[in-house]
Amino acid sequence: MDASYKGLTSYGYAFYALLLVNQTGRGVPFAYFIVSHESSETLTVCLKSLSSCNPGFYPRSVMIDRDLKELGAIRQTFPKTKVLLCWFHVLQAVHRWLVKKDGGNLSPAQRNTVIHAMMTMKACMTEEDFESVSASKCRDLEAQFGSSRVTHYLRDQWFPFAALWANFGRLFQHNSSDTNNKAERYWHRVIIQILLHYKIPVFARSSKQTS
């Protein structure tokens, strides 16, 4: 489940697509909705409409980037569905925070240390292992950086959602997918097609007229 905002709607509304993974591993869109106001309540209305029109539809899992509005809507509509966080977006969000002033002005080597710590925590196959490893990594980071700024961020923003991104929360059939990059690629194709359809012909006609 992913949304795009890059000029696909006239007023900059959020354009959502839901994709499934077919037998060949490709992402195939099966539902769309456009919303002018993004909230958990609005997205819940959209998902419940999808559910009511397809009584047999109940996803085993849904992958999102960490959008709490989407998370709330999915849990409200499909309470038994496992929600997974795209690992690429997890690392991207952590990296973006680290390079900001709030991240403590860490050096590139120190930022890499944090990312590697996250990767080690992701590999945990049980919740108990995660608790132990995350506590150990936090102690190491605090000792190395002389500050709890980074570990406070991780504990506050990511550890409460560990079951959504660490391996211990993915011990079920989910097509061995760790990212929602199939949705990202889909939006990329859509945008390219729009550019090809609208921009290139206009440019070509303008070139002929001026030549």
N, C-alpha and C. Protein backbone atom coordinates (compact mmCIF):
# COMPACT_ATOMS: atom_id res chain seq x y z
N MET A 1 0.87 -1.19 0.00
CA MET A 1 0.00 0.00 0.00
C MET A 1 0.90 1.23 0.00
N ASP A 2 0.67 2.11 -0.98
CA ASP A 2 1.55 3.27 -1.09
C ASP A 2 0.79 4.39 -1.77
N ALA A 3 1.21 5.62 -1.50
CA ALA A 3 0.58 6.79 -2.09
C ALA A 3 1.60 7.60 -2.85
N SER A 4 1.11 8.32 -3.86
CA SER A 4 1.96 9.23 -4.61
C SER A 4 1.33 10.61 -4.59
N TYR A 5 2.18 11.62 -4.63
CA TYR A 5 1.71 13.00 -4.60
C TYR A 5 2.32 13.82 -5.73
N LYS A 6 2.97 13.15 -6.67
CA LYS A 6 3.80 13.84 -7.66
C LYS A 6 3.01 14.20 -8.92
N GLY A 7 2.04 15.10 -8.78
CA GLY A 7 1.36 15.63 -9.95
C GLY A 7 0.42 14.67 -10.64
N LEU A 8 -0.01 13.61 -9.98
CA LEU A 8 -0.91 12.66 -10.61
C LEU A 8 -2.37 13.07 -10.48
N THR A 9 -2.68 14.01 -9.60
CA THR A 9 -4.04 14.52 -9.47
C THR A 9 -4.00 16.03 -9.62
N SER A 10 -5.10 16.60 -10.08
CA SER A 10 -5.12 18.03 -10.42
C SER A 10 -4.84 18.93 -9.24
N TYR A 11 -5.27 18.52 -8.04
CA TYR A 11 -5.15 19.39 -6.88
C TYR A 11 -4.14 18.88 -5.86
N GLY A 12 -3.28 17.99 -6.28
CA GLY A 12 -2.27 17.48 -5.37
C GLY A 12 -2.81 16.54 -4.31
N TYR A 13 -3.96 15.93 -4.58
CA TYR A 13 -4.53 14.98 -3.64
C TYR A 13 -3.66 13.72 -3.57
N ALA A 14 -3.78 13.01 -2.47
CA ALA A 14 -3.04 11.76 -2.31
C ALA A 14 -3.70 10.67 -3.16
N PHE A 15 -2.91 10.01 -3.97
CA PHE A 15 -3.38 8.95 -4.87
C PHE A 15 -2.80 7.63 -4.36
N TYR A 16 -3.65 6.79 -3.80
CA TYR A 16 -3.22 5.53 -3.21
C TYR A 16 -3.41 4.38 -4.19
N ALA A 17 -2.48 3.46 -4.15
CA ALA A 17 -2.61 2.21 -4.90
C ALA A 17 -2.32 1.04 -3.96
N LEU A 18 -3.11 -0.01 -4.11
CA LEU A 18 -2.87 -1.26 -3.40
C LEU A 18 -2.45 -2.29 -4.42
N LEU A 19 -1.32 -2.93 -4.18
CA LEU A 19 -0.79 -3.92 -5.11
C LEU A 19 -0.65 -5.26 -4.42
N LEU A 20 -0.80 -6.32 -5.20
CA LEU A 20 -0.50 -7.66 -4.72
C LEU A 20 0.66 -8.21 -5.53
N VAL A 21 1.31 -9.21 -4.99
CA VAL A 21 2.43 -9.85 -5.68
C VAL A 21 1.90 -11.10 -6.38
N ASN A 22 2.06 -11.16 -7.70
CA ASN A 22 1.54 -12.31 -8.44
C ASN A 22 2.55 -13.46 -8.42
N GLN A 23 2.23 -14.53 -9.16
CA GLN A 23 3.05 -15.74 -9.13
C GLN A 23 4.44 -15.53 -9.72
N THR A 24 4.60 -14.51 -10.53
CA THR A 24 5.92 -14.24 -11.11
C THR A 24 6.71 -13.22 -10.30
N GLY A 25 6.13 -12.78 -9.17
CA GLY A 25 6.82 -11.84 -8.31
C GLY A 25 6.63 -10.38 -8.68
N ARG A 26 5.74 -10.10 -9.61
CA ARG A 26 5.49 -8.72 -10.01
C ARG A 26 4.40 -8.10 -9.15
N GLY A 27 4.50 -6.80 -8.94
CA GLY A 27 3.46 -6.07 -8.22
C GLY A 27 2.33 -5.69 -9.16
N VAL A 28 1.11 -6.12 -8.84
CA VAL A 28 -0.05 -5.88 -9.69
C VAL A 28 -1.07 -5.03 -8.92
N PRO A 29 -1.41 -3.84 -9.42
CA PRO A 29 -2.39 -3.00 -8.72
C PRO A 29 -3.79 -3.60 -8.81
N PHE A 30 -4.53 -3.56 -7.71
CA PHE A 30 -5.90 -4.07 -7.73
C PHE A 30 -6.91 -3.10 -7.14
N ALA A 31 -6.45 -2.00 -6.57
CA ALA A 31 -7.37 -1.01 -6.02
C ALA A 31 -6.68 0.34 -5.95
N TYR A 32 -7.47 1.38 -6.16
CA TYR A 32 -6.98 2.75 -6.06
C TYR A 32 -7.97 3.58 -5.25
N PHE A 33 -7.48 4.61 -4.60
CA PHE A 33 -8.37 5.64 -4.09
C PHE A 33 -7.62 6.96 -3.98
N ILE A 34 -8.38 8.03 -4.18
CA ILE A 34 -7.85 9.39 -4.12
C ILE A 34 -8.54 10.12 -2.98
N VAL A 35 -7.75 10.74 -2.13
CA VAL A 35 -8.33 11.44 -0.98
C VAL A 35 -7.78 12.86 -0.91
N SER A 36 -8.66 13.78 -0.57
CA SER A 36 -8.25 15.18 -0.42
C SER A 36 -7.77 15.47 0.99
N HIS A 37 -8.18 14.62 1.93
CA HIS A 37 -7.78 14.81 3.33
C HIS A 37 -7.30 13.47 3.86
N GLU A 38 -6.03 13.39 4.18
CA GLU A 38 -5.47 12.15 4.69
C GLU A 38 -5.61 12.07 6.20
N SER A 39 -6.34 11.08 6.63
CA SER A 39 -6.47 10.79 8.06
C SER A 39 -6.75 9.31 8.19
N SER A 40 -6.55 8.78 9.37
CA SER A 40 -6.83 7.37 9.60
C SER A 40 -8.30 7.08 9.34
N GLU A 41 -9.17 8.01 9.69
CA GLU A 41 -10.60 7.82 9.50
C GLU A 41 -10.96 7.77 8.01
N THR A 42 -10.37 8.67 7.22
CA THR A 42 -10.64 8.68 5.78
C THR A 42 -10.14 7.41 5.12
N LEU A 43 -8.94 6.98 5.46
CA LEU A 43 -8.39 5.76 4.88
C LEU A 43 -9.17 4.54 5.32
N THR A 44 -9.71 4.56 6.52
CA THR A 44 -10.55 3.46 6.99
C THR A 44 -11.80 3.35 6.14
N VAL A 45 -12.41 4.48 5.80
CA VAL A 45 -13.59 4.48 4.93
C VAL A 45 -13.25 3.83 3.59
N CYS A 46 -12.10 4.18 3.03
CA CYS A 46 -11.68 3.61 1.74
C CYS A 46 -11.48 2.11 1.84
N LEU A 47 -10.79 1.66 2.87
CA LEU A 47 -10.51 0.23 3.01
C LEU A 47 -11.78 -0.55 3.31
N LYS A 48 -12.68 0.02 4.09
CA LYS A 48 -13.94 -0.68 4.37
C LYS A 48 -14.81 -0.77 3.13
N SER A 49 -14.74 0.23 2.27
CA SER A 49 -15.45 0.17 1.00
C SER A 49 -14.89 -0.95 0.14
N LEU A 50 -13.56 -1.06 0.10
CA LEU A 50 -12.92 -2.16 -0.63
C LEU A 50 -13.36 -3.50 -0.07
N SER A 51 -13.40 -3.62 1.25
CA SER A 51 -13.78 -4.87 1.89
C SER A 51 -15.23 -5.23 1.61
N SER A 52 -16.13 -4.24 1.67
CA SER A 52 -17.55 -4.52 1.46
C SER A 52 -17.85 -4.92 0.02
N CYS A 53 -17.06 -4.40 -0.92
CA CYS A 53 -17.25 -4.76 -2.33
C CYS A 53 -16.61 -6.10 -2.68
N ASN A 54 -15.76 -6.59 -1.80
CA ASN A 54 -15.07 -7.87 -2.03
C ASN A 54 -15.12 -8.68 -0.74
N PRO A 55 -16.27 -9.32 -0.46
CA PRO A 55 -16.47 -9.99 0.84
C PRO A 55 -15.42 -11.04 1.18
N GLY A 56 -14.82 -11.67 0.17
CA GLY A 56 -13.83 -12.70 0.44
C GLY A 56 -12.42 -12.17 0.60
N PHE A 57 -12.26 -10.88 0.48
CA PHE A 57 -10.92 -10.29 0.53
C PHE A 57 -10.51 -10.02 1.96
N TYR A 58 -9.42 -10.67 2.39
CA TYR A 58 -8.86 -10.41 3.72
C TYR A 58 -7.36 -10.69 3.63
N PRO A 59 -6.56 -9.65 3.51
CA PRO A 59 -5.12 -9.84 3.28
C PRO A 59 -4.40 -10.48 4.46
N ARG A 60 -3.46 -11.37 4.15
CA ARG A 60 -2.63 -11.96 5.20
C ARG A 60 -1.71 -10.90 5.80
N SER A 61 -1.17 -10.04 4.95
CA SER A 61 -0.28 -8.98 5.42
C SER A 61 -0.35 -7.80 4.47
N VAL A 62 0.01 -6.65 4.98
CA VAL A 62 0.09 -5.43 4.18
C VAL A 62 1.39 -4.73 4.54
N MET A 63 2.14 -4.33 3.52
CA MET A 63 3.39 -3.62 3.77
C MET A 63 3.21 -2.14 3.49
N ILE A 64 3.70 -1.32 4.41
CA ILE A 64 3.60 0.13 4.28
C ILE A 64 4.94 0.75 4.69
N ASP A 65 5.14 2.03 4.35
CA ASP A 65 6.18 2.76 5.04
C ASP A 65 5.54 3.21 6.36
N ARG A 66 6.28 3.73 7.28
CA ARG A 66 5.71 3.93 8.61
C ARG A 66 4.80 5.16 8.65
N ASP A 67 3.61 4.97 8.09
CA ASP A 67 2.59 6.01 8.12
C ASP A 67 1.55 5.57 9.14
N LEU A 68 1.44 6.29 10.24
CA LEU A 68 0.54 5.87 11.31
C LEU A 68 -0.92 5.95 10.90
N LYS A 69 -1.23 6.82 9.93
CA LYS A 69 -2.61 6.88 9.43
C LYS A 69 -2.96 5.58 8.72
N GLU A 70 -2.06 5.10 7.89
CA GLU A 70 -2.28 3.84 7.19
C GLU A 70 -2.34 2.68 8.17
N LEU A 71 -1.43 2.69 9.12
CA LEU A 71 -1.39 1.62 10.12
C LEU A 71 -2.71 1.54 10.88
N GLY A 72 -3.22 2.68 11.33
CA GLY A 72 -4.47 2.69 12.07
C GLY A 72 -5.64 2.22 11.23
N ALA A 73 -5.68 2.64 9.96
CA ALA A 73 -6.79 2.25 9.09
C ALA A 73 -6.78 0.76 8.80
N ILE A 74 -5.60 0.21 8.57
CA ILE A 74 -5.50 -1.24 8.30
C ILE A 74 -5.92 -2.03 9.52
N ARG A 75 -5.45 -1.64 10.68
CA ARG A 75 -5.80 -2.37 11.90
C ARG A 75 -7.28 -2.25 12.24
N GLN A 76 -7.88 -1.12 11.88
CA GLN A 76 -9.30 -0.93 12.13
C GLN A 76 -10.14 -1.80 11.20
N THR A 77 -9.72 -1.90 9.94
CA THR A 77 -10.49 -2.62 8.93
C THR A 77 -10.19 -4.11 8.90
N PHE A 78 -8.93 -4.46 9.05
CA PHE A 78 -8.50 -5.86 9.00
C PHE A 78 -7.68 -6.18 10.25
N PRO A 79 -8.34 -6.35 11.38
CA PRO A 79 -7.60 -6.51 12.65
C PRO A 79 -6.70 -7.73 12.72
N LYS A 80 -6.95 -8.75 11.90
CA LYS A 80 -6.13 -9.95 11.92
C LYS A 80 -4.98 -9.90 10.91
N THR A 81 -4.94 -8.86 10.12
CA THR A 81 -3.89 -8.72 9.11
C THR A 81 -2.58 -8.25 9.74
N LYS A 82 -1.49 -8.90 9.35
CA LYS A 82 -0.17 -8.48 9.81
C LYS A 82 0.27 -7.26 8.99
N VAL A 83 0.70 -6.24 9.69
CA VAL A 83 1.22 -5.05 9.02
C VAL A 83 2.74 -5.07 9.13
N LEU A 84 3.41 -4.89 8.01
CA LEU A 84 4.86 -4.88 7.96
C LEU A 84 5.35 -3.52 7.50
N LEU A 85 6.47 -3.10 8.03
CA LEU A 85 7.08 -1.86 7.59
C LEU A 85 8.16 -2.15 6.56
N CYS A 86 8.15 -1.37 5.50
CA CYS A 86 9.18 -1.48 4.47
C CYS A 86 10.55 -1.21 5.09
N TRP A 87 11.44 -2.18 5.00
CA TRP A 87 12.76 -2.05 5.62
C TRP A 87 13.56 -0.92 4.99
N PHE A 88 13.44 -0.74 3.70
CA PHE A 88 14.14 0.36 3.03
C PHE A 88 13.72 1.70 3.63
N HIS A 89 12.42 1.88 3.86
CA HIS A 89 11.93 3.14 4.40
C HIS A 89 12.32 3.31 5.87
N VAL A 90 12.44 2.21 6.59
CA VAL A 90 12.91 2.30 7.98
C VAL A 90 14.33 2.87 8.00
N LEU A 91 15.22 2.26 7.22
CA LEU A 91 16.60 2.73 7.18
C LEU A 91 16.69 4.16 6.64
N GLN A 92 15.87 4.45 5.64
CA GLN A 92 15.88 5.80 5.08
C GLN A 92 15.46 6.84 6.12
N ALA A 93 14.42 6.51 6.89
CA ALA A 93 13.95 7.45 7.92
C ALA A 93 15.00 7.65 9.01
N VAL A 94 15.65 6.56 9.42
CA VAL A 94 16.70 6.67 10.43
C VAL A 94 17.86 7.51 9.90
N HIS A 95 18.27 7.24 8.67
CA HIS A 95 19.38 8.01 8.08
C HIS A 95 19.03 9.49 8.00
N ARG A 96 17.81 9.80 7.56
CA ARG A 96 17.42 11.20 7.42
C ARG A 96 17.42 11.91 8.76
N TRP A 97 17.03 11.19 9.81
CA TRP A 97 17.06 11.81 11.14
C TRP A 97 18.51 12.03 11.58
N LEU A 98 19.36 11.07 11.29
CA LEU A 98 20.75 11.16 11.74
C LEU A 98 21.49 12.33 11.10
N VAL A 99 21.15 12.66 9.86
CA VAL A 99 21.87 13.74 9.18
C VAL A 99 21.32 15.12 9.55
N LYS A 100 20.19 15.15 10.25
CA LYS A 100 19.66 16.42 10.73
C LYS A 100 20.41 16.87 11.98
N LYS A 101 20.20 18.12 12.34
CA LYS A 101 20.83 18.64 13.55
C LYS A 101 20.38 17.87 14.77
N ASP A 102 19.10 17.45 14.78
CA ASP A 102 18.58 16.67 15.91
C ASP A 102 19.33 15.37 16.11
N GLY A 103 19.96 14.88 15.03
CA GLY A 103 20.68 13.62 15.12
C GLY A 103 22.01 13.70 15.84
N GLY A 104 22.41 14.88 16.26
CA GLY A 104 23.62 15.00 17.05
C GLY A 104 24.88 15.29 16.27
N ASN A 105 24.72 15.67 14.98
CA ASN A 105 25.90 16.01 14.15
C ASN A 105 26.92 14.88 14.14
N LEU A 106 26.47 13.68 13.93
CA LEU A 106 27.37 12.53 13.91
C LEU A 106 28.18 12.50 12.62
N SER A 107 29.35 11.90 12.70
CA SER A 107 30.18 11.72 11.52
C SER A 107 29.59 10.60 10.67
N PRO A 108 29.97 10.52 9.38
CA PRO A 108 29.49 9.42 8.54
C PRO A 108 29.78 8.05 9.15
N ALA A 109 30.94 7.89 9.75
CA ALA A 109 31.28 6.60 10.37
C ALA A 109 30.34 6.29 11.53
N GLN A 110 30.01 7.29 12.31
CA GLN A 110 29.09 7.08 13.43
C GLN A 110 27.68 6.77 12.94
N ARG A 111 27.27 7.43 11.87
CA ARG A 111 25.95 7.14 11.30
C ARG A 111 25.90 5.71 10.79
N ASN A 112 26.98 5.27 10.17
CA ASN A 112 27.04 3.88 9.70
C ASN A 112 26.95 2.90 10.87
N THR A 113 27.53 3.27 11.99
CA THR A 113 27.45 2.41 13.18
C THR A 113 26.00 2.24 13.62
N VAL A 114 25.23 3.32 13.58
CA VAL A 114 23.82 3.24 13.96
C VAL A 114 23.05 2.35 12.98
N ILE A 115 23.31 2.53 11.69
CA ILE A 115 22.62 1.72 10.67
C ILE A 115 22.96 0.25 10.85
N HIS A 116 24.21 -0.06 11.10
CA HIS A 116 24.60 -1.46 11.31
C HIS A 116 23.95 -2.02 12.57
N ALA A 117 23.80 -1.20 13.59
CA ALA A 117 23.10 -1.64 14.80
C ALA A 117 21.65 -1.99 14.49
N MET A 118 21.01 -1.17 13.67
CA MET A 118 19.62 -1.45 13.26
C MET A 118 19.54 -2.75 12.47
N MET A 119 20.51 -2.99 11.61
CA MET A 119 20.52 -4.21 10.81
C MET A 119 20.69 -5.44 11.70
N THR A 120 21.53 -5.32 12.72
CA THR A 120 21.71 -6.42 13.67
C THR A 120 20.42 -6.69 14.43
N MET A 121 19.74 -5.63 14.83
CA MET A 121 18.47 -5.81 15.54
C MET A 121 17.41 -6.41 14.63
N LYS A 122 17.40 -6.03 13.38
CA LYS A 122 16.41 -6.58 12.45
C LYS A 122 16.55 -8.09 12.32
N ALA A 123 17.76 -8.60 12.41
CA ALA A 123 18.02 -10.02 12.20
C ALA A 123 17.49 -10.90 13.33
N CYS A 124 17.02 -10.32 14.42
CA CYS A 124 16.55 -11.11 15.57
C CYS A 124 15.32 -11.94 15.19
N MET A 125 15.34 -13.21 15.55
CA MET A 125 14.26 -14.13 15.17
C MET A 125 13.23 -14.32 16.27
N THR A 126 13.48 -13.80 17.45
CA THR A 126 12.50 -13.86 18.53
C THR A 126 12.43 -12.50 19.21
N GLU A 127 11.30 -12.23 19.84
CA GLU A 127 11.15 -10.96 20.55
C GLU A 127 12.13 -10.87 21.71
N GLU A 128 12.37 -12.00 22.38
CA GLU A 128 13.31 -12.02 23.50
C GLU A 128 14.72 -11.67 23.02
N ASP A 129 15.10 -12.23 21.88
CA ASP A 129 16.41 -11.93 21.31
C ASP A 129 16.50 -10.45 20.96
N PHE A 130 15.43 -9.90 20.41
CA PHE A 130 15.42 -8.48 20.07
C PHE A 130 15.61 -7.62 21.31
N GLU A 131 14.91 -7.96 22.38
CA GLU A 131 15.04 -7.17 23.61
C GLU A 131 16.48 -7.18 24.11
N SER A 132 17.12 -8.35 24.05
CA SER A 132 18.49 -8.46 24.52
C SER A 132 19.46 -7.71 23.61
N VAL A 133 19.33 -7.94 22.30
CA VAL A 133 20.25 -7.32 21.35
C VAL A 133 20.08 -5.80 21.33
N SER A 134 18.84 -5.34 21.33
CA SER A 134 18.61 -3.89 21.28
C SER A 134 19.16 -3.20 22.53
N ALA A 135 19.00 -3.84 23.69
CA ALA A 135 19.55 -3.26 24.92
C ALA A 135 21.07 -3.18 24.85
N SER A 136 21.69 -4.25 24.33
CA SER A 136 23.14 -4.27 24.20
C SER A 136 23.63 -3.22 23.21
N LYS A 137 22.95 -3.11 22.08
CA LYS A 137 23.35 -2.13 21.07
C LYS A 137 23.18 -0.70 21.58
N CYS A 138 22.13 -0.47 22.34
CA CYS A 138 21.93 0.87 22.89
C CYS A 138 23.04 1.23 23.88
N ARG A 139 23.44 0.27 24.69
CA ARG A 139 24.55 0.53 25.61
C ARG A 139 25.83 0.85 24.84
N ASP A 140 26.07 0.09 23.78
CA ASP A 140 27.27 0.33 22.97
C ASP A 140 27.24 1.72 22.33
N LEU A 141 26.09 2.09 21.78
CA LEU A 141 25.98 3.39 21.12
C LEU A 141 26.16 4.54 22.11
N GLU A 142 25.57 4.40 23.28
CA GLU A 142 25.69 5.45 24.29
C GLU A 142 27.14 5.58 24.78
N ALA A 143 27.81 4.44 24.91
CA ALA A 143 29.22 4.49 25.34
C ALA A 143 30.09 5.11 24.26
N GLN A 144 29.82 4.78 23.01
CA GLN A 144 30.65 5.29 21.91
C GLN A 144 30.41 6.77 21.65
N PHE A 145 29.13 7.20 21.73
CA PHE A 145 28.80 8.59 21.40
C PHE A 145 28.80 9.51 22.61
N GLY A 146 28.80 8.93 23.81
CA GLY A 146 28.75 9.74 25.01
C GLY A 146 27.45 10.50 25.18
N SER A 147 26.40 9.96 24.61
CA SER A 147 25.09 10.62 24.65
C SER A 147 24.00 9.59 24.43
N SER A 148 22.80 9.88 24.94
CA SER A 148 21.65 8.99 24.74
C SER A 148 20.70 9.54 23.69
N ARG A 149 21.15 10.57 22.95
CA ARG A 149 20.27 11.20 21.96
C ARG A 149 19.78 10.19 20.92
N VAL A 150 20.70 9.42 20.35
CA VAL A 150 20.34 8.46 19.31
C VAL A 150 19.50 7.33 19.88
N THR A 151 19.91 6.78 21.01
CA THR A 151 19.17 5.65 21.57
C THR A 151 17.78 6.08 22.04
N HIS A 152 17.65 7.30 22.50
CA HIS A 152 16.32 7.80 22.87
C HIS A 152 15.41 7.84 21.64
N TYR A 153 15.96 8.30 20.53
CA TYR A 153 15.21 8.33 19.27
C TYR A 153 14.78 6.93 18.85
N LEU A 154 15.71 5.98 18.89
CA LEU A 154 15.39 4.62 18.48
C LEU A 154 14.34 4.00 19.40
N ARG A 155 14.50 4.18 20.69
CA ARG A 155 13.54 3.61 21.65
C ARG A 155 12.16 4.23 21.48
N ASP A 156 12.14 5.51 21.17
CA ASP A 156 10.86 6.22 21.08
C ASP A 156 10.16 5.98 19.75
N GLN A 157 10.93 5.97 18.66
CA GLN A 157 10.33 5.95 17.33
C GLN A 157 10.27 4.57 16.69
N TRP A 158 11.17 3.66 17.04
CA TRP A 158 11.27 2.42 16.29
C TRP A 158 11.07 1.15 17.12
N PHE A 159 11.53 1.13 18.33
CA PHE A 159 11.38 -0.09 19.12
C PHE A 159 9.92 -0.46 19.38
N PRO A 160 9.00 0.51 19.57
CA PRO A 160 7.60 0.12 19.76
C PRO A 160 6.99 -0.58 18.54
N PHE A 161 7.62 -0.40 17.37
CA PHE A 161 7.13 -1.02 16.14
C PHE A 161 8.05 -2.14 15.68
N ALA A 162 8.86 -2.68 16.57
CA ALA A 162 9.86 -3.67 16.18
C ALA A 162 9.25 -4.88 15.49
N ALA A 163 8.08 -5.32 15.94
CA ALA A 163 7.44 -6.50 15.35
C ALA A 163 7.03 -6.26 13.90
N LEU A 164 7.02 -5.00 13.48
CA LEU A 164 6.62 -4.67 12.12
C LEU A 164 7.81 -4.61 11.17
N TRP A 165 9.05 -4.53 11.72
CA TRP A 165 10.21 -4.46 10.82
C TRP A 165 11.29 -5.49 11.12
N ALA A 166 11.35 -6.01 12.34
CA ALA A 166 12.36 -7.02 12.66
C ALA A 166 11.90 -8.40 12.18
N ASN A 167 12.84 -9.29 12.01
CA ASN A 167 12.52 -10.61 11.46
C ASN A 167 11.58 -11.43 12.33
N PHE A 168 11.60 -11.21 13.65
CA PHE A 168 10.73 -12.02 14.50
C PHE A 168 9.25 -11.74 14.23
N GLY A 169 8.95 -10.62 13.59
CA GLY A 169 7.57 -10.32 13.23
C GLY A 169 7.20 -10.77 11.83
N ARG A 170 8.12 -11.47 11.16
CA ARG A 170 7.89 -11.88 9.77
C ARG A 170 7.99 -13.38 9.59
N LEU A 171 7.71 -14.11 10.65
CA LEU A 171 7.83 -15.57 10.59
C LEU A 171 6.54 -16.19 10.06
N PHE A 172 6.15 -15.78 8.87
CA PHE A 172 4.98 -16.33 8.20
C PHE A 172 5.18 -16.10 6.70
N GLN A 173 4.34 -16.70 5.89
CA GLN A 173 4.48 -16.57 4.45
C GLN A 173 4.13 -15.15 4.01
N HIS A 174 5.15 -14.41 3.55
CA HIS A 174 4.90 -13.05 3.07
C HIS A 174 5.73 -12.77 1.81
N ASN A 175 5.92 -13.83 1.01
CA ASN A 175 6.65 -13.73 -0.25
C ASN A 175 8.09 -13.25 -0.07
N SER A 176 8.62 -13.44 1.15
CA SER A 176 10.00 -13.06 1.45
C SER A 176 10.31 -11.63 1.04
N SER A 177 9.32 -10.77 1.18
CA SER A 177 9.47 -9.38 0.78
C SER A 177 9.77 -8.50 1.98
N ASP A 178 10.81 -7.69 1.88
CA ASP A 178 11.19 -6.79 2.96
C ASP A 178 10.88 -5.33 2.65
N THR A 179 10.49 -5.05 1.42
CA THR A 179 10.24 -3.66 1.04
C THR A 179 8.95 -3.54 0.24
N ASN A 180 8.46 -2.32 0.11
CA ASN A 180 7.34 -2.07 -0.79
C ASN A 180 7.83 -1.38 -2.06
N ASN A 181 9.04 -1.74 -2.47
CA ASN A 181 9.63 -1.14 -3.66
C ASN A 181 8.86 -1.48 -4.93
N LYS A 182 8.09 -2.58 -4.90
CA LYS A 182 7.24 -2.88 -6.06
C LYS A 182 6.23 -1.76 -6.27
N ALA A 183 5.70 -1.24 -5.18
CA ALA A 183 4.77 -0.11 -5.29
C ALA A 183 5.50 1.14 -5.77
N GLU A 184 6.71 1.35 -5.26
CA GLU A 184 7.50 2.51 -5.70
C GLU A 184 7.79 2.43 -7.20
N ARG A 185 8.15 1.23 -7.66
CA ARG A 185 8.43 1.07 -9.09
C ARG A 185 7.16 1.28 -9.91
N TYR A 186 6.02 0.85 -9.38
CA TYR A 186 4.76 1.04 -10.10
C TYR A 186 4.49 2.52 -10.29
N TRP A 187 4.63 3.30 -9.22
CA TRP A 187 4.40 4.74 -9.35
C TRP A 187 5.39 5.36 -10.33
N HIS A 188 6.61 4.89 -10.32
CA HIS A 188 7.61 5.40 -11.26
C HIS A 188 7.16 5.16 -12.69
N ARG A 189 6.65 3.95 -12.97
CA ARG A 189 6.18 3.64 -14.33
C ARG A 189 5.00 4.53 -14.71
N VAL A 190 4.07 4.73 -13.77
CA VAL A 190 2.91 5.57 -14.05
C VAL A 190 3.34 6.99 -14.39
N ILE A 191 4.23 7.54 -13.59
CA ILE A 191 4.68 8.92 -13.82
C ILE A 191 5.42 9.04 -15.15
N ILE A 192 6.26 8.06 -15.47
CA ILE A 192 6.98 8.08 -16.74
C ILE A 192 6.00 8.03 -17.90
N GLN A 193 4.96 7.20 -17.80
CA GLN A 193 3.97 7.11 -18.87
C GLN A 193 3.25 8.44 -19.06
N ILE A 194 2.93 9.11 -17.96
CA ILE A 194 2.27 10.41 -18.07
C ILE A 194 3.19 11.42 -18.75
N LEU A 195 4.47 11.42 -18.36
CA LEU A 195 5.42 12.33 -18.98
C LEU A 195 5.58 12.04 -20.47
N LEU A 196 5.64 10.76 -20.82
CA LEU A 196 5.77 10.39 -22.23
C LEU A 196 4.54 10.81 -23.02
N HIS A 197 3.37 10.68 -22.39
CA HIS A 197 2.13 10.96 -23.11
C HIS A 197 1.90 12.45 -23.29
N TYR A 198 2.22 13.22 -22.26
CA TYR A 198 1.88 14.64 -22.30
C TYR A 198 3.05 15.56 -22.63
N LYS A 199 4.22 15.26 -22.13
CA LYS A 199 5.34 16.20 -22.27
C LYS A 199 6.06 16.05 -23.60
N ILE A 200 6.42 14.82 -23.94
CA ILE A 200 7.24 14.61 -25.13
C ILE A 200 6.52 15.02 -26.41
N PRO A 201 5.22 14.62 -26.63
CA PRO A 201 4.55 15.07 -27.84
C PRO A 201 4.46 16.59 -27.94
N VAL A 202 4.20 17.26 -26.82
CA VAL A 202 4.12 18.72 -26.83
C VAL A 202 5.46 19.32 -27.22
N PHE A 203 6.53 18.76 -26.66
CA PHE A 203 7.88 19.25 -26.98
C PHE A 203 8.19 19.02 -28.44
N ALA A 204 7.77 17.85 -28.97
CA ALA A 204 8.05 17.52 -30.36
C ALA A 204 7.32 18.49 -31.29
N ARG A 205 6.05 18.79 -30.99
CA ARG A 205 5.31 19.72 -31.84
C ARG A 205 5.93 21.11 -31.79
N SER A 206 6.36 21.52 -30.59
CA SER A 206 6.98 22.85 -30.46
C SER A 206 8.26 22.93 -31.27
N SER A 207 9.02 21.82 -31.28
CA SER A 207 10.28 21.80 -32.02
C SER A 207 10.03 21.95 -33.51
N LYS A 208 8.98 21.26 -34.02
CA LYS A 208 8.69 21.33 -35.45
C LYS A 208 8.25 22.73 -35.85
N GLN A 209 7.46 23.37 -34.97
CA GLN A 209 6.96 24.69 -35.30
C GLN A 209 8.07 25.73 -35.33
N THR A 210 9.09 25.52 -34.53
CA THR A 210 10.16 26.52 -34.45
C THR A 210 11.31 26.23 -35.40
N SER A 211 11.26 25.06 -36.05
CA SER A 211 12.37 24.70 -36.95
C SER A 211 12.15 25.26 -38.35
